[in-house]
PDB file of all heavy atoms in Angstrom:
ATOM      1  N   LEU A   1      86.079   5.881 255.456  1.00  0.00           N
ATOM      2  CA  LEU A   1      85.621   5.439 256.772  1.00  0.00           C
ATOM      3  C   LEU A   1      84.614   6.437 257.341  1.00  0.00           C
ATOM      4  O   LEU A   1      84.701   7.644 257.059  1.00  0.00           O
ATOM      5  CB  LEU A   1      86.798   5.284 257.724  1.00  0.00           C
ATOM      6  CG  LEU A   1      87.780   4.149 257.388  1.00  0.00           C
ATOM      7  CD1 LEU A   1      89.017   4.260 258.272  1.00  0.00           C
ATOM      8  CD2 LEU A   1      87.109   2.803 257.536  1.00  0.00           C
ATOM      9  N   PRO A   2      83.677   5.984 258.149  1.00  0.00           N
ATOM     10  CA  PRO A   2      82.633   6.903 258.652  1.00  0.00           C
ATOM     11  C   PRO A   2      83.131   8.036 259.539  1.00  0.00           C
ATOM     12  O   PRO A   2      82.623   9.147 259.444  1.00  0.00           O
ATOM     13  CB  PRO A   2      81.698   5.992 259.448  1.00  0.00           C
ATOM     14  CG  PRO A   2      82.018   4.612 259.065  1.00  0.00           C
ATOM     15  CD  PRO A   2      83.428   4.604 258.537  1.00  0.00           C
ATOM     16  N   ASP A   3      84.124   7.793 260.389  1.00  0.00           N
ATOM     17  CA  ASP A   3      84.515   8.842 261.339  1.00  0.00           C
ATOM     18  C   ASP A   3      85.061  10.105 260.679  1.00  0.00           C
ATOM     19  O   ASP A   3      84.812  11.190 261.197  1.00  0.00           O
ATOM     20  CB  ASP A   3      85.487   8.292 262.415  1.00  0.00           C
ATOM     21  CG  ASP A   3      86.712   7.638 261.868  1.00  0.00           C
ATOM     22  OD1 ASP A   3      86.601   6.781 260.984  1.00  0.00           O
ATOM     23  OD2 ASP A   3      87.828   7.977 262.356  1.00  0.00           O
ATOM     24  N   PRO A   4      85.770  10.042 259.536  1.00  0.00           N
ATOM     25  CA  PRO A   4      86.203  11.319 258.943  1.00  0.00           C
ATOM     26  C   PRO A   4      85.239  11.893 257.905  1.00  0.00           C
ATOM     27  O   PRO A   4      85.579  12.825 257.198  1.00  0.00           O
ATOM     28  CB  PRO A   4      87.545  10.957 258.303  1.00  0.00           C
ATOM     29  CG  PRO A   4      87.417   9.527 257.952  1.00  0.00           C
ATOM     30  CD  PRO A   4      86.509   8.920 258.994  1.00  0.00           C
ATOM     31  N   HIS A   5      83.984  11.342 257.787  1.00  0.00           N
ATOM     32  CA  HIS A   5      83.044  11.885 256.808  1.00  0.00           C
ATOM     33  C   HIS A   5      82.878  13.393 257.022  1.00  0.00           C
ATOM     34  O   HIS A   5      82.792  13.866 258.140  1.00  0.00           O
ATOM     35  CB  HIS A   5      81.682  11.223 256.940  1.00  0.00           C
ATOM     36  CG  HIS A   5      81.579   9.934 256.150  1.00  0.00           C
ATOM     37  ND1 HIS A   5      80.402   9.259 256.015  1.00  0.00           N
ATOM     38  CD2 HIS A   5      82.502   9.231 255.489  1.00  0.00           C
ATOM     39  CE1 HIS A   5      80.610   8.177 255.278  1.00  0.00           C
ATOM     40  NE2 HIS A   5      81.864   8.127 254.954  1.00  0.00           N
ATOM     41  N   GLY A   6      82.833  14.113 255.918  1.00  0.00           N
ATOM     42  CA  GLY A   6      82.674  15.560 255.966  1.00  0.00           C
ATOM     43  C   GLY A   6      83.979  16.319 256.082  1.00  0.00           C
ATOM     44  O   GLY A   6      83.989  17.530 256.077  1.00  0.00           O
ATOM     45  N   GLY A   7      85.080  15.593 256.155  1.00  0.00           N
ATOM     46  CA  GLY A   7      86.397  16.229 256.315  1.00  0.00           C
ATOM     47  C   GLY A   7      87.132  16.490 255.014  1.00  0.00           C
ATOM     48  O   GLY A   7      88.277  16.984 255.049  1.00  0.00           O
ATOM     49  N   GLY A   8      86.545  16.161 253.886  1.00  0.00           N
ATOM     50  CA  GLY A   8      87.169  16.454 252.594  1.00  0.00           C
ATOM     51  C   GLY A   8      87.841  15.268 251.939  1.00  0.00           C
ATOM     52  O   GLY A   8      88.330  15.396 250.824  1.00  0.00           O
ATOM     53  N   ALA A   9      87.903  14.122 252.608  1.00  0.00           N
ATOM     54  CA  ALA A   9      88.600  12.970 252.021  1.00  0.00           C
ATOM     55  C   ALA A   9      87.912  12.482 250.737  1.00  0.00           C
ATOM     56  O   ALA A   9      88.583  12.211 249.742  1.00  0.00           O
ATOM     57  CB  ALA A   9      88.707  11.830 253.023  1.00  0.00           C
ATOM     58  N   ALA A  10      86.599  12.352 250.762  1.00  0.00           N
ATOM     59  CA  ALA A  10      85.891  11.853 249.573  1.00  0.00           C
ATOM     60  C   ALA A  10      86.024  12.835 248.406  1.00  0.00           C
ATOM     61  O   ALA A  10      86.299  12.404 247.281  1.00  0.00           O
ATOM     62  CB  ALA A  10      84.401  11.630 249.890  1.00  0.00           C
ATOM     63  N   ALA A  11      85.874  14.100 248.663  1.00  0.00           N
ATOM     64  CA  ALA A  11      86.040  15.096 247.602  1.00  0.00           C
ATOM     65  C   ALA A  11      87.490  15.091 247.082  1.00  0.00           C
ATOM     66  O   ALA A  11      87.714  15.213 245.866  1.00  0.00           O
ATOM     67  CB  ALA A  11      85.643  16.483 248.094  1.00  0.00           C
ATOM     68  N   GLY A  12      88.454  14.952 247.968  1.00  0.00           N
ATOM     69  CA  GLY A  12      89.838  14.875 247.550  1.00  0.00           C
ATOM     70  C   GLY A  12      90.134  13.647 246.709  1.00  0.00           C
ATOM     71  O   GLY A  12      90.855  13.719 245.703  1.00  0.00           O
ATOM     72  N   LEU A  13      89.574  12.489 247.102  1.00  0.00           N
ATOM     73  CA  LEU A  13      89.720  11.295 246.308  1.00  0.00           C
ATOM     74  C   LEU A  13      89.071  11.451 244.938  1.00  0.00           C
ATOM     75  O   LEU A  13      89.631  11.024 243.926  1.00  0.00           O
ATOM     76  CB  LEU A  13      89.109  10.074 247.037  1.00  0.00           C
ATOM     77  CG  LEU A  13      89.921   9.534 248.193  1.00  0.00           C
ATOM     78  CD1 LEU A  13      89.067   8.598 249.045  1.00  0.00           C
ATOM     79  CD2 LEU A  13      91.188   8.826 247.701  1.00  0.00           C
ATOM     80  N   MET A  14      87.916  12.093 244.909  1.00  0.00           N
ATOM     81  CA  MET A  14      87.228  12.306 243.642  1.00  0.00           C
ATOM     82  C   MET A  14      88.078  13.193 242.726  1.00  0.00           C
ATOM     83  O   MET A  14      88.266  12.888 241.538  1.00  0.00           O
ATOM     84  CB  MET A  14      85.852  12.915 243.855  1.00  0.00           C
ATOM     85  CG  MET A  14      85.080  13.155 242.544  1.00  0.00           C
ATOM     86  SD  MET A  14      84.690  11.652 241.636  1.00  0.00           S
ATOM     87  CE  MET A  14      83.307  11.055 242.614  1.00  0.00           C
ATOM     88  N   THR A  15      88.589  14.293 243.262  1.00  0.00           N
ATOM     89  CA  THR A  15      89.422  15.189 242.458  1.00  0.00           C
ATOM     90  C   THR A  15      90.640  14.435 241.932  1.00  0.00           C
ATOM     91  O   THR A  15      90.985  14.545 240.742  1.00  0.00           O
ATOM     92  CB  THR A  15      89.864  16.403 243.285  1.00  0.00           C
ATOM     93  OG1 THR A  15      88.691  17.129 243.646  1.00  0.00           O
ATOM     94  CG2 THR A  15      90.804  17.301 242.521  1.00  0.00           C
ATOM     95  N   GLY A  16      91.284  13.659 242.795  1.00  0.00           N
ATOM     96  CA  GLY A  16      92.437  12.883 242.361  1.00  0.00           C
ATOM     97  C   GLY A  16      92.082  11.868 241.291  1.00  0.00           C
ATOM     98  O   GLY A  16      92.845  11.695 240.310  1.00  0.00           O
ATOM     99  N   ALA A  17      90.949  11.201 241.440  1.00  0.00           N
ATOM    100  CA  ALA A  17      90.527  10.203 240.456  1.00  0.00           C
ATOM    101  C   ALA A  17      90.222  10.859 239.107  1.00  0.00           C
ATOM    102  O   ALA A  17      90.605  10.343 238.058  1.00  0.00           O
ATOM    103  CB  ALA A  17      89.301   9.433 240.965  1.00  0.00           C
ATOM    104  N   LEU A  18      89.533  11.989 239.134  1.00  0.00           N
ATOM    105  CA  LEU A  18      89.215  12.675 237.886  1.00  0.00           C
ATOM    106  C   LEU A  18      90.479  13.154 237.182  1.00  0.00           C
ATOM    107  O   LEU A  18      90.605  13.040 235.951  1.00  0.00           O
ATOM    108  CB  LEU A  18      88.264  13.858 238.157  1.00  0.00           C
ATOM    109  CG  LEU A  18      86.877  13.484 238.678  1.00  0.00           C
ATOM    110  CD1 LEU A  18      86.091  14.736 239.069  1.00  0.00           C
ATOM    111  CD2 LEU A  18      86.107  12.654 237.664  1.00  0.00           C
ATOM    112  N   ARG A  19      91.424  13.670 237.943  1.00  0.00           N
ATOM    113  CA  ARG A  19      92.693  14.093 237.355  1.00  0.00           C
ATOM    114  C   ARG A  19      93.481  12.917 236.777  1.00  0.00           C
ATOM    115  O   ARG A  19      94.054  13.015 235.704  1.00  0.00           O
ATOM    116  CB  ARG A  19      93.546  14.822 238.405  1.00  0.00           C
ATOM    117  CG  ARG A  19      93.045  16.204 238.715  1.00  0.00           C
ATOM    118  CD  ARG A  19      93.921  16.890 239.721  1.00  0.00           C
ATOM    119  NE  ARG A  19      93.399  18.237 239.973  1.00  0.00           N
ATOM    120  CZ  ARG A  19      93.646  18.900 241.073  1.00  0.00           C
ATOM    121  NH1 ARG A  19      94.428  18.413 242.016  1.00  0.00           N
ATOM    122  NH2 ARG A  19      93.123  20.115 241.233  1.00  0.00           N
ATOM    123  N   ALA A  20      93.472  11.800 237.495  1.00  0.00           N
ATOM    124  CA  ALA A  20      94.169  10.612 237.003  1.00  0.00           C
ATOM    125  C   ALA A  20      93.528  10.124 235.708  1.00  0.00           C
ATOM    126  O   ALA A  20      94.229   9.729 234.760  1.00  0.00           O
ATOM    127  CB  ALA A  20      94.169   9.507 238.063  1.00  0.00           C
ATOM    128  N   ALA A  21      92.187  10.104 235.651  1.00  0.00           N
ATOM    129  CA  ALA A  21      91.492   9.673 234.430  1.00  0.00           C
ATOM    130  C   ALA A  21      91.827  10.561 233.263  1.00  0.00           C
ATOM    131  O   ALA A  21      92.113  10.093 232.156  1.00  0.00           O
ATOM    132  CB  ALA A  21      89.987   9.631 234.682  1.00  0.00           C
ATOM    133  N   ALA A  22      91.820  11.882 233.494  1.00  0.00           N
ATOM    134  CA  ALA A  22      92.150  12.832 232.428  1.00  0.00           C
ATOM    135  C   ALA A  22      93.593  12.628 231.969  1.00  0.00           C
ATOM    136  O   ALA A  22      93.868  12.647 230.768  1.00  0.00           O
ATOM    137  CB  ALA A  22      91.923  14.260 232.903  1.00  0.00           C
ATOM    138  N   ALA A  23      94.500  12.418 232.904  1.00  0.00           N
ATOM    139  CA  ALA A  23      95.906  12.224 232.546  1.00  0.00           C
ATOM    140  C   ALA A  23      96.101  10.939 231.736  1.00  0.00           C
ATOM    141  O   ALA A  23      97.041  10.847 230.944  1.00  0.00           O
ATOM    142  CB  ALA A  23      96.755  12.167 233.824  1.00  0.00           C
ATOM    143  N   ARG A  24      95.210   9.967 231.908  1.00  0.00           N
ATOM    144  CA  ARG A  24      95.284   8.721 231.156  1.00  0.00           C
ATOM    145  C   ARG A  24      94.520   8.788 229.833  1.00  0.00           C
ATOM    146  O   ARG A  24      94.385   7.784 229.130  1.00  0.00           O
ATOM    147  CB  ARG A  24      94.743   7.575 232.017  1.00  0.00           C
ATOM    148  CG  ARG A  24      95.653   7.315 233.233  1.00  0.00           C
ATOM    149  CD  ARG A  24      95.016   6.412 234.252  1.00  0.00           C
ATOM    150  NE  ARG A  24      94.897   5.034 233.890  1.00  0.00           N
ATOM    151  CZ  ARG A  24      95.832   4.100 234.097  1.00  0.00           C
ATOM    152  NH1 ARG A  24      96.955   4.437 234.695  1.00  0.00           N
ATOM    153  NH2 ARG A  24      95.629   2.856 233.733  1.00  0.00           N
ATOM    154  N   GLY A  25      93.989   9.984 229.504  1.00  0.00           N
ATOM    155  CA  GLY A  25      93.334  10.193 228.229  1.00  0.00           C
ATOM    156  C   GLY A  25      91.831  10.019 228.197  1.00  0.00           C
ATOM    157  O   GLY A  25      91.232  10.082 227.124  1.00  0.00           O
ATOM    158  N   ALA A  26      91.217   9.814 229.348  1.00  0.00           N
ATOM    159  CA  ALA A  26      89.756   9.626 229.365  1.00  0.00           C
ATOM    160  C   ALA A  26      89.029  10.934 229.055  1.00  0.00           C
ATOM    161  O   ALA A  26      89.487  11.997 229.455  1.00  0.00           O
ATOM    162  CB  ALA A  26      89.303   9.093 230.725  1.00  0.00           C
ATOM    163  N   ARG A  27      87.922  10.820 228.363  1.00  0.00           N
ATOM    164  CA  ARG A  27      87.048  11.971 228.089  1.00  0.00           C
ATOM    165  C   ARG A  27      85.887  12.014 229.061  1.00  0.00           C
ATOM    166  O   ARG A  27      85.166  13.006 229.115  1.00  0.00           O
ATOM    167  CB  ARG A  27      86.519  11.916 226.662  1.00  0.00           C
ATOM    168  CG  ARG A  27      87.612  12.188 225.633  1.00  0.00           C
ATOM    169  CD  ARG A  27      87.086  12.295 224.219  1.00  0.00           C
ATOM    170  NE  ARG A  27      85.920  13.140 224.143  1.00  0.00           N
ATOM    171  CZ  ARG A  27      84.809  12.833 223.452  1.00  0.00           C
ATOM    172  NH1 ARG A  27      84.725  11.702 222.808  1.00  0.00           N
ATOM    173  NH2 ARG A  27      83.780  13.646 223.429  1.00  0.00           N
TER     174      ARG A  27
END
């Protein structure tokens, strides 16, 4: 959402997504 931009949510989601992909065996 626009109001929390810059608060770390997008970067946190990205980190979580990358970790989830790695845990599922993605290269």
